[in-house]
Each structure stands twice: as structure tokens, then as C-alpha cells.
Amino acid sequence: MKKNRFTRLMNVLIALSLGFVSCASIKNGLAKNYETVTGSVTAIEKYGHAVTDILFEDMQKQGYEHGDVVTVMYDNGYSFSAPITANYDVDQGEFLVRTNYADGFIAACINYGKMNEVAKISVGSKLTISMKEKAGYLA
């Protein structure tokens, strides 16, 4: 009988501790839902990068950071996933969302590629950005 009470007590303690862990995870932002960011292409740079009207500072206010992996979708249906990086911190031919240059506005790019030609976009094209994996590119 003592073993049975001990087992029940341990089960209760384990259940309570799991509840505390899950609450702590939510409080620390691990279970956060990130709002979709929308904008337009305002310029096509010399090498085909699509500069947008989305300020990286505004994205940071919503919880987006360097090293996060996001999904970008244009109004023509073309989409890709890429890390948010300050510079061209990806391999040649890889997608990225660049935060430096363009006066604080983000740009959708392909390192050594022409985003405008690949995605068939131009000035005025609309895009949405959503979180795919928080801190997914930090490693």
C-alpha cells in the first residue's frame, strides 16, 4: 500500500513539474506566435535584389531577429524560405533576407543570383513574411 501512495505522489509531482516547465516556455517566448509582415518591393538593385518598404526595426519590434528562418511569399505565388542575415551570410545561390544597406529596409536576395528574374517580380510586387523557425539559422 505504501508503494502505491508513493507512486501516486511521484506522478502528481511529475505532472506539476511538467506544467511549470510548459508555462515557463511560453513566458520565455518559445511558444510565441509571430505576426505576418506585409510590404511591397520598392526597388530592384543592380544585381536583382528586391528592396522592400519593410523596416527591419519594425520586424524586430515583432520579435524577428538575425538568424531566424522566415518564409517569403510574393503576390504571384512564388515563395521561398531563408534566414534573416545582416549581410550575405549564406552560400552562393542561397536565398536570404538582408537587413544591411537600403537605409534599414530589408531586401529579399539570392546570393550571386537575381531575385527579380527567379521570382518574376518587379517594383510594386507585394510580399508577406512569416516566421518559419525561430533562431533556425544561428548554428
N, C-alpha and C. Protein backbone atom coordinates (compact mmCIF):
# COMPACT_ATOMS: atom_id res chain seq x y z
N MET A 1 0.81 -1.19 0.00
CA MET A 1 0.00 0.00 0.00
C MET A 1 0.86 1.27 0.00
N LYS A 2 1.99 1.25 0.75
CA LYS A 2 2.87 2.41 0.79
C LYS A 2 3.47 2.68 -0.58
N LYS A 3 3.81 1.62 -1.32
CA LYS A 3 4.39 1.79 -2.65
C LYS A 3 3.39 2.47 -3.59
N ASN A 4 2.12 2.08 -3.47
CA ASN A 4 1.08 2.66 -4.30
C ASN A 4 0.93 4.15 -4.04
N ARG A 5 0.94 4.59 -2.77
CA ARG A 5 0.84 6.01 -2.43
C ARG A 5 2.06 6.77 -2.92
N PHE A 6 3.22 6.16 -2.77
CA PHE A 6 4.46 6.78 -3.23
C PHE A 6 4.42 6.99 -4.75
N THR A 7 3.97 5.99 -5.47
CA THR A 7 3.87 6.09 -6.93
C THR A 7 2.91 7.20 -7.34
N ARG A 8 1.76 7.27 -6.67
CA ARG A 8 0.79 8.33 -6.99
C ARG A 8 1.37 9.71 -6.68
N LEU A 9 2.07 9.83 -5.54
CA LEU A 9 2.67 11.09 -5.18
C LEU A 9 3.72 11.51 -6.21
N MET A 10 4.53 10.58 -6.66
CA MET A 10 5.54 10.88 -7.67
C MET A 10 4.89 11.30 -8.99
N ASN A 11 3.82 10.64 -9.38
CA ASN A 11 3.11 11.01 -10.60
C ASN A 11 2.55 12.42 -10.52
N VAL A 12 2.02 12.79 -9.37
CA VAL A 12 1.49 14.14 -9.17
C VAL A 12 2.63 15.16 -9.26
N LEU A 13 3.75 14.87 -8.60
CA LEU A 13 4.89 15.79 -8.64
C LEU A 13 5.43 15.95 -10.06
N ILE A 14 5.51 14.87 -10.80
CA ILE A 14 5.98 14.94 -12.18
C ILE A 14 5.03 15.77 -13.03
N ALA A 15 3.73 15.55 -12.88
CA ALA A 15 2.74 16.31 -13.64
C ALA A 15 2.82 17.80 -13.31
N LEU A 16 2.98 18.12 -12.04
CA LEU A 16 3.10 19.53 -11.65
C LEU A 16 4.36 20.16 -12.22
N SER A 17 5.47 19.44 -12.17
CA SER A 17 6.72 20.00 -12.69
C SER A 17 6.63 20.20 -14.20
N LEU A 18 5.98 19.30 -14.92
CA LEU A 18 5.81 19.49 -16.37
C LEU A 18 4.96 20.71 -16.65
N GLY A 19 3.97 20.94 -15.85
CA GLY A 19 3.12 22.14 -16.01
C GLY A 19 3.92 23.41 -15.83
N PHE A 20 4.82 23.43 -14.83
CA PHE A 20 5.66 24.60 -14.61
C PHE A 20 6.62 24.82 -15.77
N VAL A 21 7.19 23.76 -16.31
CA VAL A 21 8.11 23.87 -17.44
C VAL A 21 7.40 24.43 -18.66
N SER A 22 6.19 23.94 -18.94
CA SER A 22 5.49 24.44 -20.13
C SER A 22 5.08 25.89 -19.96
N CYS A 23 4.70 26.31 -18.75
CA CYS A 23 4.37 27.71 -18.52
C CYS A 23 5.60 28.58 -18.68
N ALA A 24 6.75 28.11 -18.20
CA ALA A 24 7.99 28.87 -18.33
C ALA A 24 8.37 29.01 -19.79
N SER A 25 8.16 27.98 -20.59
CA SER A 25 8.50 28.05 -22.01
C SER A 25 7.65 29.09 -22.72
N ILE A 26 6.39 29.14 -22.41
CA ILE A 26 5.51 30.14 -23.03
C ILE A 26 5.92 31.53 -22.59
N LYS A 27 6.22 31.70 -21.31
CA LYS A 27 6.61 33.01 -20.79
C LYS A 27 7.90 33.49 -21.44
N ASN A 28 8.83 32.59 -21.71
CA ASN A 28 10.11 32.97 -22.31
C ASN A 28 10.04 33.15 -23.81
N GLY A 29 8.87 32.99 -24.41
CA GLY A 29 8.70 33.28 -25.83
C GLY A 29 8.91 32.09 -26.74
N LEU A 30 9.13 30.92 -26.20
CA LEU A 30 9.37 29.77 -27.06
C LEU A 30 8.12 29.35 -27.82
N ALA A 31 6.94 29.67 -27.28
CA ALA A 31 5.70 29.27 -27.93
C ALA A 31 4.99 30.47 -28.53
N LYS A 32 5.73 31.53 -28.82
CA LYS A 32 5.16 32.77 -29.33
C LYS A 32 4.69 32.62 -30.78
N ASN A 33 3.58 33.25 -31.08
CA ASN A 33 3.11 33.34 -32.46
C ASN A 33 3.58 34.67 -33.03
N TYR A 34 4.23 34.63 -34.16
CA TYR A 34 4.76 35.84 -34.77
C TYR A 34 3.81 36.31 -35.86
N GLU A 35 3.54 37.61 -35.86
CA GLU A 35 2.64 38.18 -36.85
C GLU A 35 3.30 38.18 -38.23
N THR A 36 2.49 38.01 -39.24
CA THR A 36 2.96 38.09 -40.62
C THR A 36 3.26 39.54 -40.94
N VAL A 37 4.35 39.77 -41.64
CA VAL A 37 4.75 41.11 -42.05
C VAL A 37 4.43 41.25 -43.54
N THR A 38 3.84 42.36 -43.92
CA THR A 38 3.50 42.58 -45.33
C THR A 38 4.17 43.84 -45.85
N GLY A 39 4.43 43.86 -47.14
CA GLY A 39 5.04 45.03 -47.74
C GLY A 39 5.06 44.93 -49.25
N SER A 40 5.83 45.83 -49.85
CA SER A 40 5.96 45.90 -51.31
C SER A 40 7.41 46.06 -51.69
N VAL A 41 7.71 45.65 -52.90
CA VAL A 41 9.04 45.86 -53.47
C VAL A 41 9.10 47.32 -53.94
N THR A 42 10.13 48.05 -53.47
CA THR A 42 10.26 49.46 -53.83
C THR A 42 11.37 49.72 -54.83
N ALA A 43 12.31 48.77 -54.93
CA ALA A 43 13.42 48.93 -55.88
C ALA A 43 14.03 47.57 -56.17
N ILE A 44 14.58 47.46 -57.36
CA ILE A 44 15.36 46.29 -57.73
C ILE A 44 16.80 46.79 -57.87
N GLU A 45 17.67 46.24 -57.02
CA GLU A 45 19.07 46.67 -57.05
C GLU A 45 19.78 46.13 -58.29
N LYS A 46 20.96 46.62 -58.52
CA LYS A 46 21.76 46.28 -59.71
C LYS A 46 21.83 44.78 -59.97
N TYR A 47 21.96 43.98 -58.90
CA TYR A 47 22.11 42.54 -59.07
C TYR A 47 20.81 41.77 -58.84
N GLY A 48 19.67 42.45 -58.90
CA GLY A 48 18.38 41.77 -58.84
C GLY A 48 17.77 41.61 -57.47
N HIS A 49 18.42 42.16 -56.43
CA HIS A 49 17.86 42.06 -55.08
C HIS A 49 16.63 42.96 -54.97
N ALA A 50 15.62 42.47 -54.26
CA ALA A 50 14.36 43.20 -54.15
C ALA A 50 14.31 43.96 -52.82
N VAL A 51 14.51 45.26 -52.88
CA VAL A 51 14.41 46.11 -51.69
C VAL A 51 12.93 46.34 -51.42
N THR A 52 12.56 46.32 -50.13
CA THR A 52 11.15 46.46 -49.76
C THR A 52 10.92 47.73 -48.94
N ASP A 53 9.66 47.97 -48.63
CA ASP A 53 9.30 49.07 -47.74
C ASP A 53 9.15 48.61 -46.29
N ILE A 54 9.72 47.47 -45.95
CA ILE A 54 9.64 46.90 -44.61
C ILE A 54 10.92 47.23 -43.86
N LEU A 55 10.79 47.97 -42.77
CA LEU A 55 11.95 48.29 -41.94
C LEU A 55 12.29 47.10 -41.04
N PHE A 56 13.57 46.76 -40.97
CA PHE A 56 13.98 45.68 -40.08
C PHE A 56 13.67 46.04 -38.63
N GLU A 57 13.79 47.29 -38.29
CA GLU A 57 13.47 47.76 -36.94
C GLU A 57 12.02 47.40 -36.57
N ASP A 58 11.10 47.55 -37.50
CA ASP A 58 9.69 47.19 -37.24
C ASP A 58 9.54 45.68 -37.06
N MET A 59 10.30 44.90 -37.82
CA MET A 59 10.25 43.45 -37.67
C MET A 59 10.79 43.05 -36.30
N GLN A 60 11.85 43.71 -35.85
CA GLN A 60 12.43 43.41 -34.55
C GLN A 60 11.42 43.68 -33.43
N LYS A 61 10.62 44.70 -33.58
CA LYS A 61 9.59 45.00 -32.57
C LYS A 61 8.58 43.87 -32.46
N GLN A 62 8.43 43.09 -33.52
CA GLN A 62 7.51 41.95 -33.52
C GLN A 62 8.22 40.64 -33.15
N GLY A 63 9.52 40.71 -32.86
CA GLY A 63 10.25 39.54 -32.40
C GLY A 63 11.15 38.87 -33.41
N TYR A 64 11.18 39.37 -34.64
CA TYR A 64 12.07 38.80 -35.66
C TYR A 64 13.50 39.28 -35.41
N GLU A 65 14.48 38.38 -35.61
CA GLU A 65 15.88 38.71 -35.37
C GLU A 65 16.77 38.07 -36.42
N HIS A 66 18.03 38.53 -36.46
CA HIS A 66 19.02 37.86 -37.29
C HIS A 66 19.11 36.40 -36.86
N GLY A 67 19.20 35.50 -37.82
CA GLY A 67 19.29 34.08 -37.53
C GLY A 67 17.96 33.35 -37.57
N ASP A 68 16.85 34.08 -37.59
CA ASP A 68 15.54 33.44 -37.74
C ASP A 68 15.38 33.02 -39.20
N VAL A 69 14.67 31.93 -39.42
CA VAL A 69 14.36 31.50 -40.78
C VAL A 69 12.90 31.88 -41.04
N VAL A 70 12.68 32.57 -42.15
CA VAL A 70 11.34 33.06 -42.49
C VAL A 70 10.91 32.50 -43.85
N THR A 71 9.62 32.56 -44.09
CA THR A 71 9.08 32.23 -45.40
C THR A 71 8.61 33.53 -46.04
N VAL A 72 9.05 33.76 -47.26
CA VAL A 72 8.66 34.94 -48.03
C VAL A 72 7.76 34.48 -49.16
N MET A 73 6.61 35.12 -49.31
CA MET A 73 5.70 34.78 -50.41
C MET A 73 5.31 36.06 -51.14
N TYR A 74 5.50 36.02 -52.45
CA TYR A 74 5.11 37.16 -53.29
C TYR A 74 3.67 36.99 -53.75
N ASP A 75 3.07 38.09 -54.20
CA ASP A 75 1.68 38.07 -54.64
C ASP A 75 1.46 37.22 -55.89
N ASN A 76 2.53 36.85 -56.59
CA ASN A 76 2.38 35.98 -57.76
C ASN A 76 2.44 34.50 -57.38
N GLY A 77 2.58 34.22 -56.07
CA GLY A 77 2.60 32.84 -55.60
C GLY A 77 3.99 32.26 -55.38
N TYR A 78 5.02 32.95 -55.86
CA TYR A 78 6.39 32.45 -55.66
C TYR A 78 6.76 32.60 -54.19
N SER A 79 7.32 31.54 -53.60
CA SER A 79 7.73 31.62 -52.20
C SER A 79 9.06 30.89 -51.99
N PHE A 80 9.72 31.25 -50.92
CA PHE A 80 10.98 30.62 -50.52
C PHE A 80 11.17 30.82 -49.03
N SER A 81 12.01 30.00 -48.44
CA SER A 81 12.40 30.16 -47.04
C SER A 81 13.85 30.57 -47.00
N ALA A 82 14.19 31.46 -46.05
CA ALA A 82 15.55 31.98 -45.98
C ALA A 82 15.83 32.54 -44.59
N PRO A 83 17.10 32.61 -44.23
CA PRO A 83 17.44 33.23 -42.96
C PRO A 83 17.45 34.75 -43.07
N ILE A 84 17.21 35.41 -41.94
CA ILE A 84 17.40 36.85 -41.85
C ILE A 84 18.87 37.05 -41.49
N THR A 85 19.60 37.76 -42.34
CA THR A 85 21.02 38.00 -42.10
C THR A 85 21.35 39.47 -42.32
N ALA A 86 22.41 39.92 -41.67
CA ALA A 86 22.83 41.30 -41.84
C ALA A 86 23.45 41.52 -43.22
N ASN A 87 24.20 40.55 -43.68
CA ASN A 87 24.90 40.66 -44.96
C ASN A 87 24.60 39.42 -45.79
N TYR A 88 25.53 39.03 -46.62
CA TYR A 88 25.35 37.86 -47.48
C TYR A 88 25.96 36.63 -46.80
N ASP A 89 25.43 36.29 -45.63
CA ASP A 89 25.98 35.22 -44.80
C ASP A 89 25.39 33.86 -45.14
N VAL A 90 25.27 33.58 -46.43
CA VAL A 90 24.77 32.28 -46.92
C VAL A 90 25.66 31.84 -48.07
N ASP A 91 25.55 30.60 -48.45
CA ASP A 91 26.33 30.08 -49.56
C ASP A 91 25.86 30.69 -50.88
N GLN A 92 26.72 30.64 -51.87
CA GLN A 92 26.39 31.13 -53.20
C GLN A 92 25.15 30.42 -53.73
N GLY A 93 24.21 31.18 -54.26
CA GLY A 93 22.99 30.63 -54.82
C GLY A 93 21.86 30.46 -53.81
N GLU A 94 22.13 30.73 -52.52
CA GLU A 94 21.11 30.57 -51.48
C GLU A 94 20.31 31.87 -51.29
N PHE A 95 19.07 31.71 -50.84
CA PHE A 95 18.20 32.85 -50.53
C PHE A 95 18.57 33.45 -49.18
N LEU A 96 18.29 34.74 -49.02
CA LEU A 96 18.46 35.42 -47.74
C LEU A 96 17.55 36.63 -47.68
N VAL A 97 17.25 37.05 -46.47
CA VAL A 97 16.56 38.32 -46.24
C VAL A 97 17.60 39.21 -45.58
N ARG A 98 18.07 40.19 -46.33
CA ARG A 98 19.20 41.04 -45.92
C ARG A 98 18.69 42.27 -45.18
N THR A 99 19.39 42.62 -44.09
CA THR A 99 18.95 43.77 -43.29
C THR A 99 19.87 44.98 -43.41
N ASN A 100 21.08 44.80 -43.88
CA ASN A 100 22.00 45.95 -44.04
C ASN A 100 21.82 46.58 -45.41
N TYR A 101 22.38 47.74 -45.58
CA TYR A 101 22.34 48.55 -46.79
C TYR A 101 21.00 49.29 -46.85
N ALA A 102 20.32 49.42 -47.84
CA ALA A 102 19.00 50.02 -48.09
C ALA A 102 18.37 50.83 -46.96
N ASP A 103 19.16 51.60 -46.22
CA ASP A 103 18.66 52.52 -45.19
C ASP A 103 17.74 51.87 -44.16
N GLY A 104 18.01 50.65 -43.79
CA GLY A 104 17.22 49.96 -42.77
C GLY A 104 16.07 49.13 -43.29
N PHE A 105 15.80 49.22 -44.58
CA PHE A 105 14.75 48.42 -45.18
C PHE A 105 15.32 47.05 -45.56
N ILE A 106 14.53 46.00 -45.43
CA ILE A 106 15.02 44.67 -45.78
C ILE A 106 14.98 44.46 -47.29
N ALA A 107 15.78 43.53 -47.73
CA ALA A 107 15.79 43.15 -49.14
C ALA A 107 15.75 41.63 -49.23
N ALA A 108 14.98 41.13 -50.17
CA ALA A 108 14.95 39.69 -50.46
C ALA A 108 15.97 39.45 -51.55
N CYS A 109 16.90 38.53 -51.28
CA CYS A 109 18.04 38.36 -52.18
C CYS A 109 18.35 36.89 -52.44
N ILE A 110 19.10 36.68 -53.49
CA ILE A 110 19.77 35.41 -53.75
C ILE A 110 21.25 35.76 -53.84
N ASN A 111 22.06 35.11 -53.04
CA ASN A 111 23.49 35.39 -53.07
C ASN A 111 24.05 34.93 -54.41
N TYR A 112 24.53 35.86 -55.21
CA TYR A 112 25.02 35.61 -56.57
C TYR A 112 23.89 35.10 -57.47
N GLY A 113 22.70 35.67 -57.29
CA GLY A 113 21.57 35.33 -58.14
C GLY A 113 20.66 36.53 -58.28
N LYS A 114 19.76 36.48 -59.19
CA LYS A 114 18.86 37.61 -59.45
C LYS A 114 17.44 37.28 -58.99
N MET A 115 17.11 37.77 -57.80
CA MET A 115 15.79 37.51 -57.22
C MET A 115 14.68 37.94 -58.17
N ASN A 116 14.83 39.11 -58.79
CA ASN A 116 13.77 39.61 -59.66
C ASN A 116 13.48 38.68 -60.82
N GLU A 117 14.51 38.06 -61.39
CA GLU A 117 14.32 37.15 -62.51
C GLU A 117 13.79 35.79 -62.06
N VAL A 118 14.35 35.27 -60.98
CA VAL A 118 13.94 33.95 -60.48
C VAL A 118 12.48 33.97 -60.02
N ALA A 119 12.11 35.00 -59.25
CA ALA A 119 10.76 35.08 -58.70
C ALA A 119 9.76 35.77 -59.62
N LYS A 120 10.27 36.33 -60.72
CA LYS A 120 9.43 37.07 -61.66
C LYS A 120 8.66 38.20 -60.95
N ILE A 121 9.43 39.06 -60.27
CA ILE A 121 8.86 40.19 -59.53
C ILE A 121 9.45 41.48 -60.04
N SER A 122 8.81 42.59 -59.68
CA SER A 122 9.29 43.92 -60.07
C SER A 122 8.83 44.91 -59.00
N VAL A 123 9.20 46.16 -59.19
CA VAL A 123 8.76 47.21 -58.28
C VAL A 123 7.24 47.18 -58.22
N GLY A 124 6.71 47.22 -57.02
CA GLY A 124 5.26 47.17 -56.82
C GLY A 124 4.75 45.79 -56.42
N SER A 125 5.55 44.75 -56.64
CA SER A 125 5.12 43.41 -56.21
C SER A 125 4.92 43.40 -54.70
N LYS A 126 3.90 42.71 -54.26
CA LYS A 126 3.59 42.60 -52.83
C LYS A 126 4.24 41.33 -52.27
N LEU A 127 4.56 41.36 -50.97
CA LEU A 127 5.11 40.18 -50.33
C LEU A 127 4.66 40.09 -48.89
N THR A 128 4.66 38.87 -48.38
CA THR A 128 4.40 38.63 -46.96
C THR A 128 5.56 37.81 -46.41
N ILE A 129 5.88 38.07 -45.16
CA ILE A 129 6.96 37.36 -44.48
C ILE A 129 6.38 36.76 -43.21
N SER A 130 6.64 35.47 -42.99
CA SER A 130 6.15 34.81 -41.78
C SER A 130 7.29 33.98 -41.18
N MET A 131 7.22 33.79 -39.86
CA MET A 131 8.24 33.02 -39.16
C MET A 131 8.12 31.55 -39.53
N LYS A 132 9.24 30.96 -39.89
CA LYS A 132 9.29 29.54 -40.14
C LYS A 132 9.96 28.82 -38.99
N GLU A 133 11.14 29.34 -38.56
CA GLU A 133 11.87 28.71 -37.47
C GLU A 133 12.66 29.78 -36.70
N LYS A 134 12.23 30.03 -35.47
CA LYS A 134 12.93 30.99 -34.62
C LYS A 134 14.36 30.52 -34.37
N ALA A 135 15.33 31.39 -34.64
CA ALA A 135 16.76 31.11 -34.42
C ALA A 135 17.24 29.90 -35.22
N GLY A 136 16.56 29.54 -36.28
CA GLY A 136 16.88 28.35 -37.05
C GLY A 136 18.17 28.39 -37.83
N TYR A 137 18.77 29.57 -37.99
CA TYR A 137 19.99 29.70 -38.77
C TYR A 137 21.18 30.10 -37.90
N LEU A 138 20.98 30.15 -36.59
CA LEU A 138 22.07 30.60 -35.72
C LEU A 138 23.23 29.62 -35.65
N ALA A 139 22.94 28.36 -35.76
CA ALA A 139 24.00 27.36 -35.66
C ALA A 139 24.91 27.48 -36.86
